[in-house]
Every structure is written in C-alpha cells, then in structure tokens.
Amino acid sequence: MKLKKVIYITVGCIGMALGAVGAVLPLLPAFPFLLLAAICFGKSSERLDRWFKNTKLYKNNLESFVKGQGMTWKTKIKIMITVTVLMTIGFIMMNQVVVGRIVLACVWVFHILYFIFGVKTIKNTNK
C-alpha cells in the first residue's frame, strides 16, 4: 500500500513538473501532464490533492475542464498543434508502413474532431 502511494506521488510530481514546463514552452502541452498529476495526487493523498487544486497552474490550465465546463480555444489549439506535430513526426517515420500511416491519420482526424466538437469551448477567464 505504501509503495503504491509513493509511486502515485512520484508520478504526480513528474506530471506537475512537465505540466509546468509545458505551460511555458509552446511545443509541450501542459494539459495532459497536469491531468496526470491531478489523478495521481487524488489517489495518493488528500492533502496533496487539495494543495494541487489550489495552485495557479491547476486553476489556469485544468480546473474548467475537470469541472465539466470545457476549455478555452487557446488551450484547445495548443493541444491540437502539439499532437499534430508529434503525429506528423510519426507519420513521416512510418513511410514504409502504410497501415500504420492510415491508423495514425484516422487517430489524428478523430482527435481534431473531438477537440473541436466534443470538448465545450469556454471564454478565456484569465485577465
């Protein structure tokens, strides 16, 4: 039980660190890493979970999505661009694997459609 808690805390800290870097760097998305941190902290410690949910990083990048309110266009576009760049690299590297390219292209299309139509868009609340 303690090992599991330590693993969750460790992975949560790594997710938070990568999320913090992603909040600054345009190529690395903050959202998935902060979501990972929120899940890990929620499973590891109530105190860590409360602390994390009170950070500016969480409130600016994740809070509205977790509450079911949606994401801003800026966040959506940042995620879509990052995934597009990374999938393009994979697509280029699979020049000999036609089926892999087809699967990757389908995943990319569904990803874009999901973020455009499946995730509610909210107005930017940051001032």
C-alpha atoms as a PDB file:
ATOM      1  CA  MET A   1       0.000   0.000   0.000  1.00  0.00           C
ATOM      2  CA  LYS A   2       2.776   2.465   0.852  1.00  0.00           C
ATOM      3  CA  LEU A   3       4.690   1.626  -2.343  1.00  0.00           C
ATOM      4  CA  LYS A   4       1.596   2.375  -4.415  1.00  0.00           C
ATOM      5  CA  LYS A   5       1.211   5.753  -2.662  1.00  0.00           C
ATOM      6  CA  VAL A   6       4.876   6.605  -3.266  1.00  0.00           C
ATOM      7  CA  ILE A   7       4.525   5.704  -6.946  1.00  0.00           C
ATOM      8  CA  TYR A   8       1.431   7.924  -7.297  1.00  0.00           C
ATOM      9  CA  ILE A   9       3.192  10.832  -5.575  1.00  0.00           C
ATOM     10  CA  THR A  10       6.311  10.387  -7.735  1.00  0.00           C
ATOM     11  CA  VAL A  11       4.350  10.194 -10.988  1.00  0.00           C
ATOM     12  CA  GLY A  12       2.210  13.148  -9.840  1.00  0.00           C
ATOM     13  CA  CYS A  13       5.313  15.259  -9.185  1.00  0.00           C
ATOM     14  CA  ILE A  14       6.768  14.338 -12.577  1.00  0.00           C
ATOM     15  CA  GLY A  15       3.440  15.201 -14.234  1.00  0.00           C
ATOM     16  CA  MET A  16       3.307  18.517 -12.432  1.00  0.00           C
ATOM     17  CA  ALA A  17       6.894  19.361 -13.383  1.00  0.00           C
ATOM     18  CA  LEU A  18       6.264  18.532 -17.045  1.00  0.00           C
ATOM     19  CA  GLY A  19       2.987  20.468 -16.893  1.00  0.00           C
ATOM     20  CA  ALA A  20       4.802  23.498 -15.501  1.00  0.00           C
ATOM     21  CA  VAL A  21       7.352  23.291 -18.315  1.00  0.00           C
ATOM     22  CA  GLY A  22       4.504  22.830 -20.812  1.00  0.00           C
ATOM     23  CA  ALA A  23       2.792  25.962 -19.518  1.00  0.00           C
ATOM     24  CA  VAL A  24       5.862  27.924 -20.648  1.00  0.00           C
ATOM     25  CA  LEU A  25       7.035  26.045 -23.763  1.00  0.00           C
ATOM     26  CA  PRO A  26       4.721  26.110 -26.777  1.00  0.00           C
ATOM     27  CA  LEU A  27       5.649  22.617 -28.026  1.00  0.00           C
ATOM     28  CA  LEU A  28       4.967  20.733 -24.790  1.00  0.00           C
ATOM     29  CA  PRO A  29       1.305  20.727 -23.733  1.00  0.00           C
ATOM     30  CA  ALA A  30       0.631  21.347 -20.055  1.00  0.00           C
ATOM     31  CA  PHE A  31      -2.861  19.851 -20.034  1.00  0.00           C
ATOM     32  CA  PRO A  32      -2.200  16.074 -20.174  1.00  0.00           C
ATOM     33  CA  PHE A  33       0.629  16.249 -17.643  1.00  0.00           C
ATOM     34  CA  LEU A  34      -1.394  18.330 -15.208  1.00  0.00           C
ATOM     35  CA  LEU A  35      -4.321  15.945 -15.630  1.00  0.00           C
ATOM     36  CA  LEU A  36      -1.962  13.071 -14.804  1.00  0.00           C
ATOM     37  CA  ALA A  37      -0.758  14.978 -11.719  1.00  0.00           C
ATOM     38  CA  ALA A  38      -4.340  15.633 -10.598  1.00  0.00           C
ATOM     39  CA  ILE A  39      -5.243  11.956 -10.903  1.00  0.00           C
ATOM     40  CA  CYS A  40      -2.097  10.783  -9.113  1.00  0.00           C
ATOM     41  CA  PHE A  41      -2.373  13.322  -6.299  1.00  0.00           C
ATOM     42  CA  GLY A  42      -6.058  12.491  -5.910  1.00  0.00           C
ATOM     43  CA  LYS A  43      -5.234   8.806  -5.471  1.00  0.00           C
ATOM     44  CA  SER A  44      -2.209   9.322  -3.223  1.00  0.00           C
ATOM     45  CA  SER A  45      -3.034  11.974  -0.660  1.00  0.00           C
ATOM     46  CA  GLU A  46      -5.988  14.186   0.192  1.00  0.00           C
ATOM     47  CA  ARG A  47      -3.590  16.882   1.390  1.00  0.00           C
ATOM     48  CA  LEU A  48      -1.575  16.854  -1.861  1.00  0.00           C
ATOM     49  CA  ASP A  49      -4.795  16.858  -3.868  1.00  0.00           C
ATOM     50  CA  ARG A  50      -6.084  19.960  -2.019  1.00  0.00           C
ATOM     51  CA  TRP A  51      -2.738  21.699  -2.411  1.00  0.00           C
ATOM     52  CA  PHE A  52      -2.506  20.943  -6.126  1.00  0.00           C
ATOM     53  CA  LYS A  53      -6.062  22.114  -6.793  1.00  0.00           C
ATOM     54  CA  ASN A  54      -5.224  25.434  -5.153  1.00  0.00           C
ATOM     55  CA  THR A  55      -2.194  26.123  -7.354  1.00  0.00           C
ATOM     56  CA  LYS A  56      -2.368  28.727 -10.111  1.00  0.00           C
ATOM     57  CA  LEU A  57      -1.093  26.112 -12.558  1.00  0.00           C
ATOM     58  CA  TYR A  58      -4.132  23.895 -11.922  1.00  0.00           C
ATOM     59  CA  LYS A  59      -6.624  26.765 -11.919  1.00  0.00           C
ATOM     60  CA  ASN A  60      -5.338  28.252 -15.188  1.00  0.00           C
ATOM     61  CA  ASN A  61      -4.957  25.031 -17.169  1.00  0.00           C
ATOM     62  CA  LEU A  62      -7.221  22.309 -15.823  1.00  0.00           C
ATOM     63  CA  GLU A  63      -9.931  23.478 -13.442  1.00  0.00           C
ATOM     64  CA  SER A  64     -12.578  24.362 -16.025  1.00  0.00           C
ATOM     65  CA  PHE A  65     -12.141  21.049 -17.865  1.00  0.00           C
ATOM     66  CA  VAL A  66     -12.298  18.964 -14.681  1.00  0.00           C
ATOM     67  CA  LYS A  67     -15.474  20.785 -13.628  1.00  0.00           C
ATOM     68  CA  GLY A  68     -17.012  19.870 -16.987  1.00  0.00           C
ATOM     69  CA  GLN A  69     -17.108  23.445 -18.227  1.00  0.00           C
ATOM     70  CA  GLY A  70     -14.740  22.909 -21.168  1.00  0.00           C
ATOM     71  CA  MET A  71     -11.552  24.550 -22.441  1.00  0.00           C
ATOM     72  CA  THR A  72     -10.600  27.848 -23.987  1.00  0.00           C
ATOM     73  CA  TRP A  73      -9.783  27.984 -27.690  1.00  0.00           C
ATOM     74  CA  LYS A  74      -6.199  28.822 -26.787  1.00  0.00           C
ATOM     75  CA  THR A  75      -5.838  25.592 -24.776  1.00  0.00           C
ATOM     76  CA  LYS A  76      -7.579  23.523 -27.439  1.00  0.00           C
ATOM     77  CA  ILE A  77      -5.391  24.907 -30.222  1.00  0.00           C
ATOM     78  CA  LYS A  78      -2.213  24.396 -28.202  1.00  0.00           C
ATOM     79  CA  ILE A  79      -3.108  20.730 -27.639  1.00  0.00           C
ATOM     80  CA  MET A  80      -4.142  20.180 -31.265  1.00  0.00           C
ATOM     81  CA  ILE A  81      -0.935  21.747 -32.619  1.00  0.00           C
ATOM     82  CA  THR A  82       1.258  19.691 -30.322  1.00  0.00           C
ATOM     83  CA  VAL A  83      -0.476  16.450 -31.213  1.00  0.00           C
ATOM     84  CA  THR A  84      -0.365  17.333 -34.909  1.00  0.00           C
ATOM     85  CA  VAL A  85       3.389  17.982 -34.783  1.00  0.00           C
ATOM     86  CA  LEU A  86       4.099  14.772 -32.877  1.00  0.00           C
ATOM     87  CA  MET A  87       1.833  12.675 -35.096  1.00  0.00           C
ATOM     88  CA  THR A  88       3.406  14.190 -38.210  1.00  0.00           C
ATOM     89  CA  ILE A  89       6.813  13.021 -36.999  1.00  0.00           C
ATOM     90  CA  GLY A  90       5.390   9.523 -36.503  1.00  0.00           C
ATOM     91  CA  PHE A  91       3.675   9.670 -39.892  1.00  0.00           C
ATOM     92  CA  ILE A  92       6.941  10.614 -41.623  1.00  0.00           C
ATOM     93  CA  MET A  93       8.851   7.873 -39.817  1.00  0.00           C
ATOM     94  CA  MET A  94       6.291   5.285 -40.970  1.00  0.00           C
ATOM     95  CA  ASN A  95       6.984   5.783 -44.664  1.00  0.00           C
ATOM     96  CA  GLN A  96       7.197   2.011 -45.211  1.00  0.00           C
ATOM     97  CA  VAL A  97       4.167   1.105 -43.042  1.00  0.00           C
ATOM     98  CA  VAL A  98       1.063   2.089 -44.985  1.00  0.00           C
ATOM     99  CA  VAL A  99      -1.373   0.587 -42.458  1.00  0.00           C
ATOM    100  CA  GLY A 100       0.364   2.476 -39.648  1.00  0.00           C
ATOM    101  CA  ARG A 101       0.021   5.721 -41.563  1.00  0.00           C
ATOM    102  CA  ILE A 102      -3.681   5.078 -42.139  1.00  0.00           C
ATOM    103  CA  VAL A 103      -4.268   4.329 -38.456  1.00  0.00           C
ATOM    104  CA  LEU A 104      -2.281   7.389 -37.398  1.00  0.00           C
ATOM    105  CA  ALA A 105      -4.198   9.594 -39.835  1.00  0.00           C
ATOM    106  CA  CYS A 106      -7.536   8.276 -38.507  1.00  0.00           C
ATOM    107  CA  VAL A 107      -6.475   8.866 -34.901  1.00  0.00           C
ATOM    108  CA  TRP A 108      -5.380  12.393 -35.810  1.00  0.00           C
ATOM    109  CA  VAL A 109      -8.705  13.181 -37.539  1.00  0.00           C
ATOM    110  CA  PHE A 110     -10.719  11.858 -34.580  1.00  0.00           C
ATOM    111  CA  HIS A 111      -8.507  13.819 -32.180  1.00  0.00           C
ATOM    112  CA  ILE A 112      -9.127  17.066 -34.052  1.00  0.00           C
ATOM    113  CA  LEU A 113     -12.863  16.404 -34.338  1.00  0.00           C
ATOM    114  CA  TYR A 114     -13.087  15.576 -30.633  1.00  0.00           C
ATOM    115  CA  PHE A 115     -11.414  18.801 -29.548  1.00  0.00           C
ATOM    116  CA  ILE A 116     -13.440  20.931 -31.955  1.00  0.00           C
ATOM    117  CA  PHE A 117     -16.864  19.364 -31.390  1.00  0.00           C
ATOM    118  CA  GLY A 118     -16.576  17.127 -28.313  1.00  0.00           C
ATOM    119  CA  VAL A 119     -14.975  19.487 -25.798  1.00  0.00           C
ATOM    120  CA  LYS A 120     -17.033  22.527 -24.907  1.00  0.00           C
ATOM    121  CA  THR A 121     -15.375  25.867 -25.674  1.00  0.00           C
ATOM    122  CA  ILE A 122     -15.441  28.486 -22.956  1.00  0.00           C
ATOM    123  CA  LYS A 123     -14.413  32.134 -22.952  1.00  0.00           C
ATOM    124  CA  ASN A 124     -10.998  32.981 -21.599  1.00  0.00           C
ATOM    125  CA  THR A 125     -11.425  33.882 -17.914  1.00  0.00           C
ATOM    126  CA  ASN A 126      -7.785  34.962 -17.399  1.00  0.00           C
ATOM    127  CA  LYS A 127      -7.303  38.681 -17.236  1.00  0.00           C
END
